[in-house]
Amino acid sequence: MIKVKTFVTNSYNPLHHERLDAQINKFIEENEVELVDVKYSTSSAWNGAAPVWIPSVMLIYKVR
């Protein structure tokens, strides 16, 4: 069965989020999945003082 998992973080407070690569690697290790595709995207917003970058990754995978 093909499934999708989305990971999102933001650059506003880098001390309070786990890096996307660490989140993805942990998910792959813990769930024994076979990757089908990876989609990466960024968006931005303004918090009043500085731009905030919001990266996200969508994993498309098969359950083994």
N, C-alpha and C. Protein backbone atom coordinates (compact mmCIF):
# COMPACT_ATOMS: atom_id res chain seq x y z
N MET A 1 0.84 -1.18 0.00
CA MET A 1 0.00 0.00 0.00
C MET A 1 0.89 1.24 0.00
N ILE A 2 0.57 2.20 -0.82
CA ILE A 2 1.32 3.46 -0.88
C ILE A 2 0.69 4.45 0.08
N LYS A 3 1.55 5.11 0.86
CA LYS A 3 1.10 6.09 1.85
C LYS A 3 1.92 7.36 1.71
N VAL A 4 1.47 8.41 2.42
CA VAL A 4 2.14 9.71 2.40
C VAL A 4 2.34 10.19 3.83
N LYS A 5 3.49 10.78 4.08
CA LYS A 5 3.80 11.38 5.38
C LYS A 5 4.39 12.75 5.12
N THR A 6 3.91 13.78 5.83
CA THR A 6 4.39 15.14 5.64
C THR A 6 5.13 15.60 6.89
N PHE A 7 6.27 16.25 6.68
CA PHE A 7 7.07 16.80 7.75
C PHE A 7 7.19 18.30 7.51
N VAL A 8 6.95 19.10 8.56
CA VAL A 8 7.00 20.56 8.43
C VAL A 8 7.73 21.13 9.63
N THR A 9 8.53 22.15 9.39
CA THR A 9 9.18 22.89 10.46
C THR A 9 9.30 24.34 10.01
N ASN A 10 9.80 25.22 10.87
CA ASN A 10 10.01 26.60 10.44
C ASN A 10 11.29 27.16 11.01
N SER A 11 11.77 28.22 10.43
CA SER A 11 13.04 28.80 10.84
C SER A 11 12.87 29.86 11.93
N TYR A 12 11.65 30.11 12.37
CA TYR A 12 11.43 31.17 13.36
C TYR A 12 12.14 30.88 14.66
N ASN A 13 12.07 29.64 15.12
CA ASN A 13 12.73 29.28 16.37
C ASN A 13 13.48 27.96 16.19
N PRO A 14 14.69 28.00 15.67
CA PRO A 14 15.41 26.76 15.37
C PRO A 14 15.77 25.93 16.59
N LEU A 15 15.67 26.51 17.79
CA LEU A 15 15.98 25.75 19.00
C LEU A 15 14.85 24.82 19.40
N HIS A 16 13.66 25.03 18.85
CA HIS A 16 12.50 24.25 19.28
C HIS A 16 11.94 23.35 18.19
N HIS A 17 12.77 22.94 17.28
CA HIS A 17 12.32 21.97 16.30
C HIS A 17 13.47 21.05 15.92
N GLU A 18 13.12 19.86 15.61
CA GLU A 18 14.09 18.89 15.13
C GLU A 18 14.29 19.12 13.64
N ARG A 19 15.51 19.00 13.17
CA ARG A 19 15.77 19.20 11.74
C ARG A 19 14.95 18.23 10.91
N LEU A 20 14.54 18.67 9.75
CA LEU A 20 13.73 17.81 8.87
C LEU A 20 14.46 16.52 8.54
N ASP A 21 15.74 16.59 8.22
CA ASP A 21 16.45 15.37 7.87
C ASP A 21 16.46 14.38 9.04
N ALA A 22 16.60 14.87 10.26
CA ALA A 22 16.58 13.99 11.43
C ALA A 22 15.19 13.37 11.61
N GLN A 23 14.14 14.15 11.41
CA GLN A 23 12.77 13.63 11.53
C GLN A 23 12.52 12.54 10.49
N ILE A 24 12.95 12.79 9.26
CA ILE A 24 12.72 11.83 8.17
C ILE A 24 13.51 10.55 8.39
N ASN A 25 14.80 10.69 8.74
CA ASN A 25 15.62 9.51 9.00
C ASN A 25 15.05 8.67 10.14
N LYS A 26 14.59 9.33 11.18
CA LYS A 26 13.99 8.62 12.32
C LYS A 26 12.73 7.85 11.87
N PHE A 27 11.89 8.50 11.08
CA PHE A 27 10.67 7.86 10.59
C PHE A 27 11.01 6.63 9.76
N ILE A 28 11.98 6.75 8.85
CA ILE A 28 12.36 5.63 7.99
C ILE A 28 12.91 4.47 8.82
N GLU A 29 13.78 4.78 9.77
CA GLU A 29 14.37 3.74 10.62
C GLU A 29 13.32 3.02 11.47
N GLU A 30 12.39 3.77 12.03
CA GLU A 30 11.41 3.20 12.95
C GLU A 30 10.28 2.47 12.24
N ASN A 31 10.05 2.74 10.95
CA ASN A 31 8.88 2.18 10.29
C ASN A 31 9.19 1.24 9.13
N GLU A 32 10.45 1.01 8.83
CA GLU A 32 10.83 0.08 7.76
C GLU A 32 9.99 0.29 6.50
N VAL A 33 10.17 1.45 5.90
CA VAL A 33 9.42 1.80 4.70
C VAL A 33 10.32 1.79 3.48
N GLU A 34 9.71 1.64 2.33
CA GLU A 34 10.41 1.73 1.05
C GLU A 34 9.98 3.04 0.40
N LEU A 35 10.95 3.94 0.17
CA LEU A 35 10.61 5.24 -0.42
C LEU A 35 10.23 5.10 -1.88
N VAL A 36 9.18 5.79 -2.26
CA VAL A 36 8.74 5.86 -3.65
C VAL A 36 9.18 7.19 -4.24
N ASP A 37 8.97 8.29 -3.48
CA ASP A 37 9.33 9.62 -3.95
C ASP A 37 9.43 10.56 -2.76
N VAL A 38 10.13 11.68 -2.96
CA VAL A 38 10.26 12.72 -1.94
C VAL A 38 9.98 14.06 -2.62
N LYS A 39 9.12 14.85 -2.01
CA LYS A 39 8.80 16.19 -2.51
C LYS A 39 9.23 17.21 -1.45
N TYR A 40 9.97 18.21 -1.87
CA TYR A 40 10.46 19.24 -0.96
C TYR A 40 9.88 20.58 -1.37
N SER A 41 9.47 21.39 -0.39
CA SER A 41 8.89 22.69 -0.69
C SER A 41 9.25 23.67 0.42
N THR A 42 9.33 24.94 0.06
CA THR A 42 9.50 25.98 1.06
C THR A 42 8.47 27.07 0.81
N SER A 43 8.08 27.70 1.88
CA SER A 43 7.22 28.89 1.78
C SER A 43 7.79 29.91 2.75
N SER A 44 7.34 31.12 2.65
CA SER A 44 7.85 32.15 3.54
C SER A 44 6.70 32.99 4.08
N ALA A 45 6.97 33.60 5.21
CA ALA A 45 6.02 34.50 5.85
C ALA A 45 6.83 35.60 6.52
N TRP A 46 6.17 36.62 6.96
CA TRP A 46 6.84 37.72 7.63
C TRP A 46 6.30 37.79 9.05
N ASN A 47 7.20 37.73 10.04
CA ASN A 47 6.75 37.76 11.43
C ASN A 47 6.78 39.16 12.03
N GLY A 48 6.98 40.17 11.21
CA GLY A 48 7.03 41.54 11.69
C GLY A 48 8.44 42.06 11.84
N ALA A 49 9.39 41.17 12.06
CA ALA A 49 10.78 41.58 12.25
C ALA A 49 11.70 40.98 11.19
N ALA A 50 11.35 39.81 10.73
CA ALA A 50 12.22 39.11 9.78
C ALA A 50 11.40 38.07 9.02
N PRO A 51 11.89 37.67 7.87
CA PRO A 51 11.19 36.60 7.15
C PRO A 51 11.34 35.26 7.86
N VAL A 52 10.32 34.46 7.75
CA VAL A 52 10.32 33.12 8.34
C VAL A 52 10.21 32.13 7.19
N TRP A 53 11.15 31.19 7.11
CA TRP A 53 11.14 30.18 6.07
C TRP A 53 10.53 28.92 6.62
N ILE A 54 9.60 28.33 5.89
CA ILE A 54 8.90 27.14 6.35
C ILE A 54 9.12 26.01 5.34
N PRO A 55 10.14 25.19 5.60
CA PRO A 55 10.38 24.06 4.71
C PRO A 55 9.45 22.90 5.06
N SER A 56 9.11 22.12 4.05
CA SER A 56 8.30 20.93 4.29
C SER A 56 8.73 19.83 3.32
N VAL A 57 8.54 18.61 3.76
CA VAL A 57 8.88 17.45 2.94
C VAL A 57 7.71 16.49 2.98
N MET A 58 7.35 15.95 1.81
CA MET A 58 6.33 14.93 1.75
C MET A 58 7.01 13.65 1.25
N LEU A 59 6.92 12.61 2.07
CA LEU A 59 7.44 11.31 1.69
C LEU A 59 6.30 10.47 1.12
N ILE A 60 6.53 9.88 0.00
CA ILE A 60 5.60 8.92 -0.57
C ILE A 60 6.30 7.57 -0.44
N TYR A 61 5.67 6.64 0.24
CA TYR A 61 6.35 5.40 0.58
C TYR A 61 5.42 4.19 0.54
N LYS A 62 6.05 3.04 0.54
CA LYS A 62 5.32 1.76 0.63
C LYS A 62 5.65 1.12 1.97
N VAL A 63 4.64 0.52 2.56
CA VAL A 63 4.84 -0.24 3.78
C VAL A 63 5.37 -1.61 3.41
N ARG A 64 6.44 -2.03 4.06
CA ARG A 64 7.01 -3.35 3.75
C ARG A 64 6.26 -4.46 4.44
